[in-house]
Amino acid sequence: MLGLKGSLNEYELDLLRQRSLSARYEKARRGELVVAAPVGFVKSGDRYEKDPDRRVQEAIKLVFDKVEELGRARQALCWLHEYNLDLPVKQTNGDMAWRRPSYSAIHRI
């Protein structure tokens, strides 16, 4: 009986996950989905523009250049760590902070 209850709970979780994803897709289709601007961009009205801070622009450009030069995000991460360079990250309140890069941060960029 316990195995059956566990299976039902997994099914219910899967059903809830599917419903939330479909609700998110519907919001996106209607244009009501609110998504935070990625690092290096600011939202101006209904458009995204490059961050006016030149230091942020240069850091993002450096990440793209190093990934292109070295061929992999992991190699770019190692290079950034070797030279002790920080990358901009957005905090939950919208402010910009500079932190030691992680693989996920480079991958998101």
PDB file of N, CA and C in Angstrom:
ATOM      1  N   MET A   1       0.818  -1.192   0.000  1.00  0.00           N
ATOM      2  CA  MET A   1       0.000   0.000   0.000  1.00  0.00           C
ATOM      3  C   MET A   1       0.862   1.257   0.000  1.00  0.00           C
ATOM      4  N   LEU A   2       1.988   1.242   0.729  1.00  0.00           N
ATOM      5  CA  LEU A   2       2.852   2.404   0.802  1.00  0.00           C
ATOM      6  C   LEU A   2       3.444   2.727  -0.572  1.00  0.00           C
ATOM      7  N   GLY A   3       3.801   1.707  -1.331  1.00  0.00           N
ATOM      8  CA  GLY A   3       4.348   1.919  -2.667  1.00  0.00           C
ATOM      9  C   GLY A   3       3.341   2.583  -3.582  1.00  0.00           C
ATOM     10  N   LEU A   4       2.077   2.217  -3.463  1.00  0.00           N
ATOM     11  CA  LEU A   4       1.030   2.809  -4.281  1.00  0.00           C
ATOM     12  C   LEU A   4       0.842   4.284  -3.933  1.00  0.00           C
ATOM     13  N   LYS A   5       0.900   4.613  -2.639  1.00  0.00           N
ATOM     14  CA  LYS A   5       0.761   6.008  -2.226  1.00  0.00           C
ATOM     15  C   LYS A   5       1.921   6.842  -2.752  1.00  0.00           C
ATOM     16  N   GLY A   6       3.112   6.304  -2.704  1.00  0.00           N
ATOM     17  CA  GLY A   6       4.273   7.010  -3.236  1.00  0.00           C
ATOM     18  C   GLY A   6       4.159   7.255  -4.724  1.00  0.00           C
ATOM     19  N   SER A   7       3.637   6.248  -5.446  1.00  0.00           N
ATOM     20  CA  SER A   7       3.445   6.395  -6.887  1.00  0.00           C
ATOM     21  C   SER A   7       2.403   7.462  -7.184  1.00  0.00           C
ATOM     22  N   LEU A   8       1.335   7.489  -6.407  1.00  0.00           N
ATOM     23  CA  LEU A   8       0.307   8.500  -6.615  1.00  0.00           C
ATOM     24  C   LEU A   8       0.863   9.895  -6.341  1.00  0.00           C
ATOM     25  N   ASN A   9       1.669  10.032  -5.302  1.00  0.00           N
ATOM     26  CA  ASN A   9       2.261  11.334  -5.017  1.00  0.00           C
ATOM     27  C   ASN A   9       3.183  11.789  -6.146  1.00  0.00           C
ATOM     28  N   GLU A  10       3.970  10.881  -6.704  1.00  0.00           N
ATOM     29  CA  GLU A  10       4.829  11.226  -7.831  1.00  0.00           C
ATOM     30  C   GLU A  10       3.997  11.656  -9.022  1.00  0.00           C
ATOM     31  N   TYR A  11       2.880  10.961  -9.268  1.00  0.00           N
ATOM     32  CA  TYR A  11       1.996  11.313 -10.374  1.00  0.00           C
ATOM     33  C   TYR A  11       1.407  12.704 -10.145  1.00  0.00           C
ATOM     34  N   GLU A  12       0.988  12.987  -8.912  1.00  0.00           N
ATOM     35  CA  GLU A  12       0.418  14.298  -8.598  1.00  0.00           C
ATOM     36  C   GLU A  12       1.460  15.399  -8.772  1.00  0.00           C
ATOM     37  N   LEU A  13       2.687  15.148  -8.350  1.00  0.00           N
ATOM     38  CA  LEU A  13       3.752  16.134  -8.524  1.00  0.00           C
ATOM     39  C   LEU A  13       4.021  16.393 -10.005  1.00  0.00           C
ATOM     40  N   ASP A  14       4.040  15.331 -10.792  1.00  0.00           N
ATOM     41  CA  ASP A  14       4.258  15.471 -12.223  1.00  0.00           C
ATOM     42  C   ASP A  14       3.113  16.262 -12.857  1.00  0.00           C
ATOM     43  N   LEU A  15       1.899  15.988 -12.442  1.00  0.00           N
ATOM     44  CA  LEU A  15       0.734  16.699 -12.963  1.00  0.00           C
ATOM     45  C   LEU A  15       0.802  18.190 -12.599  1.00  0.00           C
ATOM     46  N   LEU A  16       1.174  18.499 -11.360  1.00  0.00           N
ATOM     47  CA  LEU A  16       1.317  19.895 -10.951  1.00  0.00           C
ATOM     48  C   LEU A  16       2.417  20.605 -11.746  1.00  0.00           C
ATOM     49  N   ARG A  17       3.522  19.902 -11.976  1.00  0.00           N
ATOM     50  CA  ARG A  17       4.620  20.471 -12.757  1.00  0.00           C
ATOM     51  C   ARG A  17       4.168  20.777 -14.179  1.00  0.00           C
ATOM     52  N   GLN A  18       3.428  19.852 -14.785  1.00  0.00           N
ATOM     53  CA  GLN A  18       2.930  20.064 -16.141  1.00  0.00           C
ATOM     54  C   GLN A  18       1.968  21.246 -16.196  1.00  0.00           C
ATOM     55  N   ARG A  19       1.103  21.361 -15.213  1.00  0.00           N
ATOM     56  CA  ARG A  19       0.148  22.472 -15.185  1.00  0.00           C
ATOM     57  C   ARG A  19       0.860  23.809 -15.025  1.00  0.00           C
ATOM     58  N   SER A  20       1.872  23.857 -14.160  1.00  0.00           N
ATOM     59  CA  SER A  20       2.576  25.128 -13.967  1.00  0.00           C
ATOM     60  C   SER A  20       3.361  25.518 -15.221  1.00  0.00           C
ATOM     61  N   LEU A  21       3.943  24.539 -15.910  1.00  0.00           N
ATOM     62  CA  LEU A  21       4.644  24.841 -17.157  1.00  0.00           C
ATOM     63  C   LEU A  21       3.687  25.337 -18.231  1.00  0.00           C
ATOM     64  N   SER A  22       2.533  24.703 -18.336  1.00  0.00           N
ATOM     65  CA  SER A  22       1.568  25.142 -19.347  1.00  0.00           C
ATOM     66  C   SER A  22       1.037  26.538 -19.012  1.00  0.00           C
ATOM     67  N   ALA A  23       0.866  26.846 -17.727  1.00  0.00           N
ATOM     68  CA  ALA A  23       0.440  28.194 -17.336  1.00  0.00           C
ATOM     69  C   ALA A  23       1.516  29.213 -17.705  1.00  0.00           C
ATOM     70  N   ARG A  24       2.782  28.849 -17.509  1.00  0.00           N
ATOM     71  CA  ARG A  24       3.887  29.746 -17.867  1.00  0.00           C
ATOM     72  C   ARG A  24       3.929  29.981 -19.370  1.00  0.00           C
ATOM     73  N   TYR A  25       3.733  28.931 -20.161  1.00  0.00           N
ATOM     74  CA  TYR A  25       3.717  29.083 -21.613  1.00  0.00           C
ATOM     75  C   TYR A  25       2.566  29.977 -22.062  1.00  0.00           C
ATOM     76  N   GLU A  26       1.426  29.828 -21.440  1.00  0.00           N
ATOM     77  CA  GLU A  26       0.277  30.660 -21.789  1.00  0.00           C
ATOM     78  C   GLU A  26       0.541  32.125 -21.459  1.00  0.00           C
ATOM     79  N   LYS A  27       1.138  32.391 -20.307  1.00  0.00           N
ATOM     80  CA  LYS A  27       1.486  33.769 -19.957  1.00  0.00           C
ATOM     81  C   LYS A  27       2.457  34.350 -20.976  1.00  0.00           C
ATOM     82  N   ALA A  28       3.440  33.553 -21.382  1.00  0.00           N
ATOM     83  CA  ALA A  28       4.409  34.010 -22.380  1.00  0.00           C
ATOM     84  C   ALA A  28       3.716  34.285 -23.707  1.00  0.00           C
ATOM     85  N   ARG A  29       2.794  33.436 -24.086  1.00  0.00           N
ATOM     86  CA  ARG A  29       2.074  33.611 -25.343  1.00  0.00           C
ATOM     87  C   ARG A  29       1.271  34.909 -25.333  1.00  0.00           C
ATOM     88  N   ARG A  30       0.683  35.243 -24.178  1.00  0.00           N
ATOM     89  CA  ARG A  30      -0.108  36.474 -24.047  1.00  0.00           C
ATOM     90  C   ARG A  30       0.769  37.700 -23.838  1.00  0.00           C
ATOM     91  N   GLY A  31       2.073  37.500 -23.580  1.00  0.00           N
ATOM     92  CA  GLY A  31       2.968  38.615 -23.341  1.00  0.00           C
ATOM     93  C   GLY A  31       2.933  39.122 -21.915  1.00  0.00           C
ATOM     94  N   GLU A  32       2.464  38.318 -20.988  1.00  0.00           N
ATOM     95  CA  GLU A  32       2.341  38.724 -19.590  1.00  0.00           C
ATOM     96  C   GLU A  32       3.414  38.126 -18.694  1.00  0.00           C
ATOM     97  N   LEU A  33       4.302  37.325 -19.248  1.00  0.00           N
ATOM     98  CA  LEU A  33       5.343  36.688 -18.450  1.00  0.00           C
ATOM     99  C   LEU A  33       6.424  37.706 -18.110  1.00  0.00           C
ATOM    100  N   VAL A  34       6.684  37.901 -16.840  1.00  0.00           N
ATOM    101  CA  VAL A  34       7.693  38.853 -16.389  1.00  0.00           C
ATOM    102  C   VAL A  34       8.996  38.094 -16.164  1.00  0.00           C
ATOM    103  N   VAL A  35      10.011  38.494 -16.894  1.00  0.00           N
ATOM    104  CA  VAL A  35      11.321  37.868 -16.787  1.00  0.00           C
ATOM    105  C   VAL A  35      12.333  38.972 -16.508  1.00  0.00           C
ATOM    106  N   ALA A  36      13.212  38.742 -15.564  1.00  0.00           N
ATOM    107  CA  ALA A  36      14.239  39.735 -15.248  1.00  0.00           C
ATOM    108  C   ALA A  36      15.231  39.835 -16.404  1.00  0.00           C
ATOM    109  N   ALA A  37      15.750  41.026 -16.599  1.00  0.00           N
ATOM    110  CA  ALA A  37      16.745  41.239 -17.645  1.00  0.00           C
ATOM    111  C   ALA A  37      18.017  40.484 -17.286  1.00  0.00           C
ATOM    112  N   PRO A  38      18.660  39.842 -18.271  1.00  0.00           N
ATOM    113  CA  PRO A  38      19.908  39.127 -17.978  1.00  0.00           C
ATOM    114  C   PRO A  38      21.029  40.101 -17.630  1.00  0.00           C
ATOM    115  N   VAL A  39      22.088  39.572 -17.056  1.00  0.00           N
ATOM    116  CA  VAL A  39      23.242  40.395 -16.693  1.00  0.00           C
ATOM    117  C   VAL A  39      23.778  41.052 -17.957  1.00  0.00           C
ATOM    118  N   GLY A  40      24.060  42.351 -17.861  1.00  0.00           N
ATOM    119  CA  GLY A  40      24.583  43.082 -19.004  1.00  0.00           C
ATOM    120  C   GLY A  40      23.508  43.819 -19.775  1.00  0.00           C
ATOM    121  N   PHE A  41      22.243  43.627 -19.402  1.00  0.00           N
ATOM    122  CA  PHE A  41      21.138  44.299 -20.067  1.00  0.00           C
ATOM    123  C   PHE A  41      20.229  44.943 -19.036  1.00  0.00           C
ATOM    124  N   VAL A  42      19.573  46.011 -19.442  1.00  0.00           N
ATOM    125  CA  VAL A  42      18.562  46.653 -18.612  1.00  0.00           C
ATOM    126  C   VAL A  42      17.290  46.745 -19.437  1.00  0.00           C
ATOM    127  N   LYS A  43      16.159  46.677 -18.761  1.00  0.00           N
ATOM    128  CA  LYS A  43      14.883  46.752 -19.457  1.00  0.00           C
ATOM    129  C   LYS A  43      14.455  48.210 -19.526  1.00  0.00           C
ATOM    130  N   SER A  44      14.240  48.686 -20.721  1.00  0.00           N
ATOM    131  CA  SER A  44      13.817  50.065 -20.944  1.00  0.00           C
ATOM    132  C   SER A  44      12.457  50.011 -21.629  1.00  0.00           C
ATOM    133  N   GLY A  45      11.400  50.158 -20.844  1.00  0.00           N
ATOM    134  CA  GLY A  45      10.054  50.021 -21.405  1.00  0.00           C
ATOM    135  C   GLY A  45       9.797  48.567 -21.744  1.00  0.00           C
ATOM    136  N   ASP A  46       9.534  48.295 -23.007  1.00  0.00           N
ATOM    137  CA  ASP A  46       9.315  46.914 -23.440  1.00  0.00           C
ATOM    138  C   ASP A  46      10.508  46.360 -24.212  1.00  0.00           C
ATOM    139  N   ARG A  47      11.640  47.072 -24.160  1.00  0.00           N
ATOM    140  CA  ARG A  47      12.841  46.643 -24.874  1.00  0.00           C
ATOM    141  C   ARG A  47      13.978  46.380 -23.893  1.00  0.00           C
ATOM    142  N   TYR A  48      14.932  45.560 -24.326  1.00  0.00           N
ATOM    143  CA  TYR A  48      16.155  45.324 -23.558  1.00  0.00           C
ATOM    144  C   TYR A  48      17.285  46.075 -24.249  1.00  0.00           C
ATOM    145  N   GLU A  49      18.075  46.790 -23.452  1.00  0.00           N
ATOM    146  CA  GLU A  49      19.228  47.520 -23.969  1.00  0.00           C
ATOM    147  C   GLU A  49      20.458  47.133 -23.166  1.00  0.00           C
ATOM    148  N   LYS A  50      21.628  47.351 -23.772  1.00  0.00           N
ATOM    149  CA  LYS A  50      22.873  47.070 -23.058  1.00  0.00           C
ATOM    150  C   LYS A  50      22.967  47.949 -21.826  1.00  0.00           C
ATOM    151  N   ASP A  51      23.562  47.399 -20.792  1.00  0.00           N
ATOM    152  CA  ASP A  51      23.775  48.158 -19.569  1.00  0.00           C
ATOM    153  C   ASP A  51      24.671  49.356 -19.889  1.00  0.00           C
ATOM    154  N   PRO A  52      24.310  50.562 -19.436  1.00  0.00           N
ATOM    155  CA  PRO A  52      25.131  51.733 -19.760  1.00  0.00           C
ATOM    156  C   PRO A  52      26.505  51.725 -19.087  1.00  0.00           C
ATOM    157  N   ASP A  53      26.698  50.904 -18.083  1.00  0.00           N
ATOM    158  CA  ASP A  53      27.987  50.813 -17.393  1.00  0.00           C
ATOM    159  C   ASP A  53      29.010  50.136 -18.306  1.00  0.00           C
ATOM    160  N   ARG A  54      30.053  50.876 -18.685  1.00  0.00           N
ATOM    161  CA  ARG A  54      31.062  50.344 -19.604  1.00  0.00           C
ATOM    162  C   ARG A  54      31.820  49.159 -19.011  1.00  0.00           C
ATOM    163  N   ARG A  55      32.010  49.156 -17.703  1.00  0.00           N
ATOM    164  CA  ARG A  55      32.723  48.044 -17.060  1.00  0.00           C
ATOM    165  C   ARG A  55      31.933  46.752 -17.213  1.00  0.00           C
ATOM    166  N   VAL A  56      30.622  46.825 -17.069  1.00  0.00           N
ATOM    167  CA  VAL A  56      29.768  45.643 -17.250  1.00  0.00           C
ATOM    168  C   VAL A  56      29.824  45.184 -18.699  1.00  0.00           C
ATOM    169  N   GLN A  57      29.729  46.122 -19.643  1.00  0.00           N
ATOM    170  CA  GLN A  57      29.790  45.772 -21.068  1.00  0.00           C
ATOM    171  C   GLN A  57      31.103  45.089 -21.416  1.00  0.00           C
ATOM    172  N   GLU A  58      32.207  45.613 -20.890  1.00  0.00           N
ATOM    173  CA  GLU A  58      33.516  45.023 -21.176  1.00  0.00           C
ATOM    174  C   GLU A  58      33.656  43.625 -20.569  1.00  0.00           C
ATOM    175  N   ALA A  59      33.108  43.420 -19.381  1.00  0.00           N
ATOM    176  CA  ALA A  59      33.183  42.104 -18.745  1.00  0.00           C
ATOM    177  C   ALA A  59      32.400  41.066 -19.547  1.00  0.00           C
ATOM    178  N   ILE A  60      31.213  41.435 -20.007  1.00  0.00           N
ATOM    179  CA  ILE A  60      30.403  40.510 -20.811  1.00  0.00           C
ATOM    180  C   ILE A  60      31.105  40.214 -22.135  1.00  0.00           C
ATOM    181  N   LYS A  61      31.664  41.246 -22.759  1.00  0.00           N
ATOM    182  CA  LYS A  61      32.394  41.056 -24.022  1.00  0.00           C
ATOM    183  C   LYS A  61      33.595  40.146 -23.806  1.00  0.00           C
ATOM    184  N   LEU A  62      34.296  40.326 -22.680  1.00  0.00           N
ATOM    185  CA  LEU A  62      35.452  39.486 -22.376  1.00  0.00           C
ATOM    186  C   LEU A  62      35.048  38.014 -22.258  1.00  0.00           C
ATOM    187  N   VAL A  63      33.927  37.747 -21.616  1.00  0.00           N
ATOM    188  CA  VAL A  63      33.456  36.356 -21.479  1.00  0.00           C
ATOM    189  C   VAL A  63      33.193  35.760 -22.856  1.00  0.00           C
ATOM    190  N   PHE A  64      32.473  36.496 -23.708  1.00  0.00           N
ATOM    191  CA  PHE A  64      32.199  35.986 -25.053  1.00  0.00           C
ATOM    192  C   PHE A  64      33.480  35.771 -25.841  1.00  0.00           C
ATOM    193  N   ASP A  65      34.410  36.717 -25.756  1.00  0.00           N
ATOM    194  CA  ASP A  65      35.677  36.589 -26.488  1.00  0.00           C
ATOM    195  C   ASP A  65      36.478  35.382 -26.011  1.00  0.00           C
ATOM    196  N   LYS A  66      36.537  35.177 -24.706  1.00  0.00           N
ATOM    197  CA  LYS A  66      37.324  34.058 -24.173  1.00  0.00           C
ATOM    198  C   LYS A  66      36.685  32.707 -24.503  1.00  0.00           C
ATOM    199  N   VAL A  67      35.359  32.631 -24.458  1.00  0.00           N
ATOM    200  CA  VAL A  67      34.709  31.369 -24.824  1.00  0.00           C
ATOM    201  C   VAL A  67      34.966  31.071 -26.300  1.00  0.00           C
ATOM    202  N   GLU A  68      34.907  32.118 -27.132  1.00  0.00           N
ATOM    203  CA  GLU A  68      35.179  31.912 -28.556  1.00  0.00           C
ATOM    204  C   GLU A  68      36.642  31.520 -28.790  1.00  0.00           C
ATOM    205  N   GLU A  69      37.553  32.182 -28.102  1.00  0.00           N
ATOM    206  CA  GLU A  69      38.981  31.904 -28.269  1.00  0.00           C
ATOM    207  C   GLU A  69      39.366  30.526 -27.760  1.00  0.00           C
ATOM    208  N   LEU A  70      38.887  30.178 -26.560  1.00  0.00           N
ATOM    209  CA  LEU A  70      39.302  28.928 -25.921  1.00  0.00           C
ATOM    210  C   LEU A  70      38.398  27.748 -26.283  1.00  0.00           C
ATOM    211  N   GLY A  71      37.205  28.031 -26.779  1.00  0.00           N
ATOM    212  CA  GLY A  71      36.344  26.968 -27.274  1.00  0.00           C
ATOM    213  C   GLY A  71      35.370  26.384 -26.270  1.00  0.00           C
ATOM    214  N   ARG A  72      35.550  26.634 -24.994  1.00  0.00           N
ATOM    215  CA  ARG A  72      34.674  26.047 -23.977  1.00  0.00           C
ATOM    216  C   ARG A  72      34.478  27.032 -22.830  1.00  0.00           C
ATOM    217  N   ALA A  73      33.285  26.965 -22.227  1.00  0.00           N
ATOM    218  CA  ALA A  73      32.983  27.824 -21.084  1.00  0.00           C
ATOM    219  C   ALA A  73      33.881  27.466 -19.900  1.00  0.00           C
ATOM    220  N   ARG A  74      34.171  26.196 -19.736  1.00  0.00           N
ATOM    221  CA  ARG A  74      35.021  25.754 -18.625  1.00  0.00           C
ATOM    222  C   ARG A  74      36.427  26.343 -18.729  1.00  0.00           C
ATOM    223  N   GLN A  75      36.971  26.369 -19.948  1.00  0.00           N
ATOM    224  CA  GLN A  75      38.298  26.941 -20.148  1.00  0.00           C
ATOM    225  C   GLN A  75      38.290  28.443 -19.880  1.00  0.00           C
ATOM    226  N   ALA A  76      37.208  29.118 -20.288  1.00  0.00           N
ATOM    227  CA  ALA A  76      37.083  30.550 -20.011  1.00  0.00           C
ATOM    228  C   ALA A  76      37.007  30.783 -18.507  1.00  0.00           C
ATOM    229  N   LEU A  77      36.300  29.916 -17.787  1.00  0.00           N
ATOM    230  CA  LEU A  77      36.208  30.025 -16.332  1.00  0.00           C
ATOM    231  C   LEU A  77      37.586  29.883 -15.701  1.00  0.00           C
ATOM    232  N   CYS A  78      38.349  28.904 -16.136  1.00  0.00           N
ATOM    233  CA  CYS A  78      39.701  28.711 -15.603  1.00  0.00           C
ATOM    234  C   CYS A  78      40.579  29.927 -15.888  1.00  0.00           C
ATOM    235  N   TRP A  79      40.448  30.506 -17.083  1.00  0.00           N
ATOM    236  CA  TRP A  79      41.228  31.687 -17.433  1.00  0.00           C
ATOM    237  C   TRP A  79      40.846  32.860 -16.526  1.00  0.00           C
ATOM    238  N   LEU A  80      39.551  33.076 -16.304  1.00  0.00           N
ATOM    239  CA  LEU A  80      39.092  34.165 -15.441  1.00  0.00           C
ATOM    240  C   LEU A  80      39.584  33.972 -14.004  1.00  0.00           C
ATOM    241  N   HIS A  81      39.584  32.732 -13.537  1.00  0.00           N
ATOM    242  CA  HIS A  81      40.082  32.443 -12.187  1.00  0.00           C
ATOM    243  C   HIS A  81      41.592  32.669 -12.107  1.00  0.00           C
ATOM    244  N   GLU A  82      42.308  32.302 -13.164  1.00  0.00           N
ATOM    245  CA  GLU A  82      43.769  32.467 -13.183  1.00  0.00           C
ATOM    246  C   GLU A  82      44.159  33.939 -13.025  1.00  0.00           C
ATOM    247  N   TYR A  83      43.380  34.829 -13.641  1.00  0.00           N
ATOM    248  CA  TYR A  83      43.688  36.257 -13.585  1.00  0.00           C
ATOM    249  C   TYR A  83      42.868  36.993 -12.524  1.00  0.00           C
ATOM    250  N   ASN A  84      42.175  36.259 -11.667  1.00  0.00           N
ATOM    251  CA  ASN A  84      41.389  36.825 -10.558  1.00  0.00           C
ATOM    252  C   ASN A  84      40.427  37.925 -11.010  1.00  0.00           C
ATOM    253  N   LEU A  85      39.694  37.655 -12.080  1.00  0.00           N
ATOM    254  CA  LEU A  85      38.729  38.626 -12.604  1.00  0.00           C
ATOM    255  C   LEU A  85      37.332  38.298 -12.079  1.00  0.00           C
ATOM    256  N   ASP A  86      36.594  39.312 -11.727  1.00  0.00           N
ATOM    257  CA  ASP A  86      35.219  39.142 -11.251  1.00  0.00           C
ATOM    258  C   ASP A  86      34.240  39.438 -12.380  1.00  0.00           C
ATOM    259  N   LEU A  87      33.037  38.894 -12.255  1.00  0.00           N
ATOM    260  CA  LEU A  87      31.974  39.130 -13.228  1.00  0.00           C
ATOM    261  C   LEU A  87      30.788  39.786 -12.538  1.00  0.00           C
ATOM    262  N   PRO A  88      30.025  40.577 -13.279  1.00  0.00           N
ATOM    263  CA  PRO A  88      28.838  41.195 -12.686  1.00  0.00           C
ATOM    264  C   PRO A  88      27.737  40.168 -12.505  1.00  0.00           C
ATOM    265  N   VAL A  89      27.002  40.287 -11.407  1.00  0.00           N
ATOM    266  CA  VAL A  89      25.823  39.457 -11.157  1.00  0.00           C
ATOM    267  C   VAL A  89      24.715  40.374 -10.657  1.00  0.00           C
ATOM    268  N   LYS A  90      23.494  40.043 -11.026  1.00  0.00           N
ATOM    269  CA  LYS A  90      22.361  40.823 -10.547  1.00  0.00           C
ATOM    270  C   LYS A  90      21.879  40.237  -9.240  1.00  0.00           C
ATOM    271  N   GLN A  91      21.650  41.111  -8.288  1.00  0.00           N
ATOM    272  CA  GLN A  91      21.119  40.673  -7.010  1.00  0.00           C
ATOM    273  C   GLN A  91      19.599  40.708  -7.079  1.00  0.00           C
ATOM    274  N   THR A  92      18.957  40.122  -6.082  1.00  0.00           N
ATOM    275  CA  THR A  92      17.497  40.028  -6.098  1.00  0.00           C
ATOM    276  C   THR A  92      16.826  41.394  -6.063  1.00  0.00           C
ATOM    277  N   ASN A  93      17.480  42.397  -5.493  1.00  0.00           N
ATOM    278  CA  ASN A  93      16.886  43.733  -5.450  1.00  0.00           C
ATOM    279  C   ASN A  93      17.161  44.526  -6.725  1.00  0.00           C
ATOM    280  N   GLY A  94      17.850  43.937  -7.710  1.00  0.00           N
ATOM    281  CA  GLY A  94      18.113  44.589  -8.987  1.00  0.00           C
ATOM    282  C   GLY A  94      19.461  45.264  -9.076  1.00  0.00           C
ATOM    283  N   ASP A  95      20.167  45.385  -7.956  1.00  0.00           N
ATOM    284  CA  ASP A  95      21.488  46.011  -7.977  1.00  0.00           C
ATOM    285  C   ASP A  95      22.516  45.076  -8.608  1.00  0.00           C
ATOM    286  N   MET A  96      23.629  45.664  -9.054  1.00  0.00           N
ATOM    287  CA  MET A  96      24.708  44.899  -9.661  1.00  0.00           C
ATOM    288  C   MET A  96      25.809  44.690  -8.626  1.00  0.00           C
ATOM    289  N   ALA A  97      26.335  43.485  -8.558  1.00  0.00           N
ATOM    290  CA  ALA A  97      27.455  43.171  -7.676  1.00  0.00           C
ATOM    291  C   ALA A  97      28.512  42.450  -8.514  1.00  0.00           C
ATOM    292  N   TRP A  98      29.737  42.469  -8.026  1.00  0.00           N
ATOM    293  CA  TRP A  98      30.841  41.804  -8.726  1.00  0.00           C
ATOM    294  C   TRP A  98      31.314  40.643  -7.867  1.00  0.00           C
ATOM    295  N   ARG A  99      31.342  39.450  -8.478  1.00  0.00           N
ATOM    296  CA  ARG A  99      31.734  38.243  -7.743  1.00  0.00           C
ATOM    297  C   ARG A  99      32.671  37.387  -8.580  1.00  0.00           C
ATOM    298  N   ARG A 100      33.331  36.487  -7.872  1.00  0.00           N
ATOM    299  CA  ARG A 100      34.184  35.508  -8.543  1.00  0.00           C
ATOM    300  C   ARG A 100      33.304  34.656  -9.458  1.00  0.00           C
ATOM    301  N   PRO A 101      33.698  34.456 -10.709  1.00  0.00           N
ATOM    302  CA  PRO A 101      32.826  33.745 -11.659  1.00  0.00           C
ATOM    303  C   PRO A 101      32.654  32.265 -11.316  1.00  0.00           C
ATOM    304  N   SER A 102      31.505  31.751 -11.676  1.00  0.00           N
ATOM    305  CA  SER A 102      31.220  30.323 -11.550  1.00  0.00           C
ATOM    306  C   SER A 102      30.852  29.811 -12.944  1.00  0.00           C
ATOM    307  N   TYR A 103      30.864  28.504 -13.087  1.00  0.00           N
ATOM    308  CA  TYR A 103      30.532  27.923 -14.386  1.00  0.00           C
ATOM    309  C   TYR A 103      29.110  28.295 -14.784  1.00  0.00           C
ATOM    310  N   SER A 104      28.182  28.244 -13.832  1.00  0.00           N
ATOM    311  CA  SER A 104      26.785  28.553 -14.160  1.00  0.00           C
ATOM    312  C   SER A 104      26.621  30.012 -14.581  1.00  0.00           C
ATOM    313  N   ALA A 105      27.397  30.921 -13.970  1.00  0.00           N
ATOM    314  CA  ALA A 105      27.318  32.331 -14.348  1.00  0.00           C
ATOM    315  C   ALA A 105      27.777  32.527 -15.783  1.00  0.00           C
ATOM    316  N   ILE A 106      28.868  31.870 -16.155  1.00  0.00           N
ATOM    317  CA  ILE A 106      29.369  31.972 -17.525  1.00  0.00           C
ATOM    318  C   ILE A 106      28.374  31.331 -18.489  1.00  0.00           C
ATOM    319  N   HIS A 107      27.820  30.225 -18.107  1.00  0.00           N
ATOM    320  CA  HIS A 107      26.854  29.538 -18.964  1.00  0.00           C
ATOM    321  C   HIS A 107      25.603  30.400 -19.175  1.00  0.00           C
ATOM    322  N   ARG A 108      25.142  31.089 -18.124  1.00  0.00           N
ATOM    323  CA  ARG A 108      23.977  31.968 -18.260  1.00  0.00           C
ATOM    324  C   ARG A 108      24.262  33.140 -19.195  1.00  0.00           C
ATOM    325  N   ILE A 109      25.495  33.647 -19.148  1.00  0.00           N
ATOM    326  CA  ILE A 109      25.875  34.763 -20.028  1.00  0.00           C
ATOM    327  C   ILE A 109      25.855  34.285 -21.462  1.00  0.00           C
TER     328      ILE A 109
END
